[in-house]
Amino acid sequence: MAAIDLEAFVARWQVSGATERANYQLFLTELCRILDVPGPDPARPNDHENAYIFEKSVVFPHGDGSHTTKFIDLYKRGCFVLEAKQGVEKEQQAEALSQTVQSQRKQRKKGTATRGTPAWEDAMLRARNQAENYARALPASEGRPPFLIIVDVGHSIESTMEVIH
């Protein structure tokens, strides 16, 4: 990996700040390339074959017999559950607010929360709890992944080793 590649990657992603959905898959795919590790596989119709994919489905059963299906942002069987968020810098948040006021119309939310604020800290904690719940909801046949990874796209990557029961 050339230093210039890493510098270009950091420069490209440190200015991100739109919505999580718009950025996280591209960010993680490019991160895999920079780290020289295989990227996620295409999803297959047979969910059991989906060992390393974006948007891995997990089912949460309810007491009344119904269920809710949620999706892990990035999953690698036996390795990790990754939950991505997209924070914004203070300047980006102020710009988005200014655009909203000037246009007098509802703008699409930019990012999860402003980085460095209690709201951002809370959003990252909620992301970790979300990853823990996803790991617990995986079928027993999948086993429990040893790592939870929380990503604020272009800003931070936090990994914890968890014993999830």
Protein backbone atom coordinates (compact mmCIF):
# COMPACT_ATOMS: atom_id res chain seq x y z
CA MET A 1 0.00 0.00 0.00
CA ALA A 2 1.50 3.30 -1.04
CA ALA A 3 1.45 6.18 1.44
CA ILE A 4 -0.14 8.39 -1.20
CA ASP A 5 -3.03 5.93 -1.52
CA LEU A 6 -3.66 6.11 2.21
CA GLU A 7 -3.40 9.90 2.20
CA ALA A 8 -5.83 10.14 -0.73
CA PHE A 9 -8.25 7.78 1.03
CA VAL A 10 -8.18 9.85 4.22
CA ALA A 11 -8.58 13.12 2.30
CA ARG A 12 -11.47 11.71 0.28
CA TRP A 13 -13.43 10.47 3.27
CA GLN A 14 -12.75 13.06 5.95
CA VAL A 15 -15.10 15.47 4.16
CA SER A 16 -17.99 12.99 4.05
CA GLY A 17 -21.08 13.97 5.95
CA ALA A 18 -24.24 13.18 4.05
CA THR A 19 -26.37 10.23 5.05
CA GLU A 20 -25.05 6.91 6.30
CA ARG A 21 -26.82 5.01 3.56
CA ALA A 22 -25.18 7.15 0.87
CA ASN A 23 -21.63 6.50 2.07
CA TYR A 24 -20.97 3.48 4.23
CA GLN A 25 -20.78 0.69 1.63
CA LEU A 26 -18.44 2.62 -0.65
CA PHE A 27 -16.30 3.68 2.32
CA LEU A 28 -15.96 0.12 3.62
CA THR A 29 -15.26 -1.30 0.15
CA GLU A 30 -12.48 1.25 -0.38
CA LEU A 31 -11.15 0.59 3.14
CA CYS A 32 -10.86 -3.11 2.30
CA ARG A 33 -8.83 -2.19 -0.81
CA ILE A 34 -6.53 0.10 1.18
CA LEU A 35 -6.00 -2.63 3.80
CA ASP A 36 -5.48 -5.22 1.04
CA VAL A 37 -8.13 -7.56 2.44
CA PRO A 38 -11.00 -9.19 0.55
CA GLY A 39 -14.17 -7.15 0.33
CA PRO A 40 -17.67 -8.42 1.06
CA ASP A 41 -19.31 -10.95 -1.22
CA PRO A 42 -22.49 -10.40 -3.21
CA ALA A 43 -25.59 -11.46 -1.27
CA ARG A 44 -27.11 -14.81 -2.22
CA PRO A 45 -30.73 -15.95 -2.06
CA ASN A 46 -29.89 -18.67 0.52
CA ASP A 47 -29.18 -16.59 3.63
CA HIS A 48 -27.02 -19.34 5.16
CA GLU A 49 -24.53 -18.81 2.32
CA ASN A 50 -24.19 -15.12 3.23
CA ALA A 51 -21.07 -15.30 5.39
CA TYR A 52 -19.51 -11.92 4.48
CA ILE A 53 -21.96 -9.36 3.14
CA PHE A 54 -23.49 -5.93 3.45
CA GLU A 55 -27.05 -5.84 4.79
CA LYS A 56 -27.13 -9.26 6.48
CA SER A 57 -30.70 -9.90 7.62
CA VAL A 58 -31.45 -10.76 11.24
CA VAL A 59 -34.86 -11.66 12.58
CA PHE A 60 -36.17 -10.41 15.91
CA PRO A 61 -39.12 -12.54 17.10
CA HIS A 62 -41.89 -10.96 19.17
CA GLY A 63 -43.99 -12.56 21.89
CA ASP A 64 -47.13 -12.48 19.75
CA GLY A 65 -45.57 -14.72 17.08
CA SER A 66 -44.73 -11.87 14.72
CA HIS A 67 -41.20 -10.80 13.89
CA THR A 68 -39.19 -7.84 12.66
CA THR A 69 -36.35 -8.16 10.16
CA LYS A 70 -33.44 -5.75 10.53
CA PHE A 71 -30.13 -5.56 8.64
CA ILE A 72 -26.51 -5.59 9.81
CA ASP A 73 -24.53 -2.98 7.87
CA LEU A 74 -21.58 -5.36 7.35
CA TYR A 75 -21.27 -8.89 8.67
CA LYS A 76 -18.53 -11.50 8.53
CA ARG A 77 -19.46 -14.84 10.05
CA GLY A 78 -17.24 -15.80 12.95
CA CYS A 79 -15.49 -12.42 12.83
CA PHE A 80 -17.60 -9.31 13.34
CA VAL A 81 -20.80 -7.31 13.22
CA LEU A 82 -20.20 -3.78 11.94
CA GLU A 83 -22.62 -0.91 12.47
CA ALA A 84 -21.97 2.28 10.51
CA LYS A 85 -23.11 5.81 11.21
CA GLN A 86 -22.38 9.10 9.47
CA GLY A 87 -21.54 12.03 11.71
CA VAL A 88 -20.91 15.57 10.51
CA GLU A 89 -18.49 18.30 11.49
CA LYS A 90 -19.88 21.47 13.09
CA GLU A 91 -19.29 23.50 9.92
CA GLN A 92 -21.24 20.99 7.80
CA GLN A 93 -24.16 21.02 10.23
CA ALA A 94 -24.25 24.83 10.24
CA GLU A 95 -24.15 24.88 6.43
CA ALA A 96 -27.03 22.39 6.21
CA LEU A 97 -29.08 24.49 8.63
CA SER A 98 -28.34 27.66 6.66
CA GLN A 99 -29.43 25.98 3.44
CA THR A 100 -32.65 24.88 5.10
CA VAL A 101 -33.46 28.40 6.31
CA GLN A 102 -32.59 29.98 2.96
CA SER A 103 -34.61 27.57 0.87
CA GLN A 104 -37.63 27.60 3.20
CA ARG A 105 -38.14 23.91 2.51
CA LYS A 106 -37.45 20.74 4.39
CA GLN A 107 -33.93 19.41 3.72
CA ARG A 108 -32.79 15.83 4.06
CA LYS A 109 -31.03 15.21 7.37
CA LYS A 110 -27.25 15.38 7.04
CA GLY A 111 -25.49 12.84 9.23
CA THR A 112 -26.32 11.12 12.49
CA ALA A 113 -25.14 13.93 14.78
CA THR A 114 -22.53 16.66 15.02
CA ARG A 115 -19.18 15.15 16.01
CA GLY A 116 -17.79 16.15 19.39
CA THR A 117 -21.22 16.73 20.92
CA PRO A 118 -23.13 14.73 23.53
CA ALA A 119 -25.61 13.82 20.76
CA TRP A 120 -22.79 12.22 18.73
CA GLU A 121 -21.52 10.30 21.79
CA ASP A 122 -25.08 9.08 22.38
CA ALA A 123 -25.47 8.07 18.72
CA MET A 124 -22.25 6.02 18.85
CA LEU A 125 -23.38 4.31 22.06
CA ARG A 126 -26.74 3.49 20.44
CA ALA A 127 -24.83 2.08 17.44
CA ARG A 128 -22.86 -0.21 19.74
CA ASN A 129 -26.07 -1.39 21.42
CA GLN A 130 -27.57 -1.97 17.98
CA ALA A 131 -24.55 -4.11 16.99
CA GLU A 132 -24.83 -6.10 20.23
CA ASN A 133 -28.52 -6.77 19.58
CA TYR A 134 -27.78 -7.86 16.00
CA ALA A 135 -25.09 -10.26 17.23
CA ARG A 136 -27.51 -11.77 19.76
CA ALA A 137 -30.21 -12.15 17.08
CA LEU A 138 -28.03 -14.18 14.71
CA PRO A 139 -29.07 -17.83 14.39
CA ALA A 140 -27.28 -20.14 16.85
CA SER A 141 -25.79 -21.98 13.86
CA GLU A 142 -23.88 -18.78 12.93
CA GLY A 143 -22.22 -18.54 16.33
CA ARG A 144 -21.45 -15.24 17.98
CA PRO A 145 -18.87 -13.00 16.33
CA PRO A 146 -16.02 -12.01 18.68
CA PHE A 147 -15.88 -8.38 17.50
CA LEU A 148 -18.28 -5.49 17.28
CA ILE A 149 -17.11 -2.64 15.05
CA ILE A 150 -18.67 0.81 15.14
CA VAL A 151 -17.79 3.19 12.30
CA ASP A 152 -18.45 6.88 11.86
CA VAL A 153 -17.76 7.03 8.12
CA GLY A 154 -14.59 8.98 7.40
CA HIS A 155 -14.00 9.81 11.06
CA SER A 156 -13.55 6.87 13.42
CA ILE A 157 -13.52 3.11 13.72
CA GLU A 158 -14.00 1.49 17.11
CA SER A 159 -13.72 -2.23 17.70
CA THR A 160 -14.58 -4.09 20.86
CA MET A 161 -14.15 -7.73 21.69
CA GLU A 162 -17.32 -8.93 23.31
CA VAL A 163 -18.63 -12.08 24.86
CA ILE A 164 -22.26 -11.86 23.81
CA HIS A 165 -24.74 -14.20 25.44
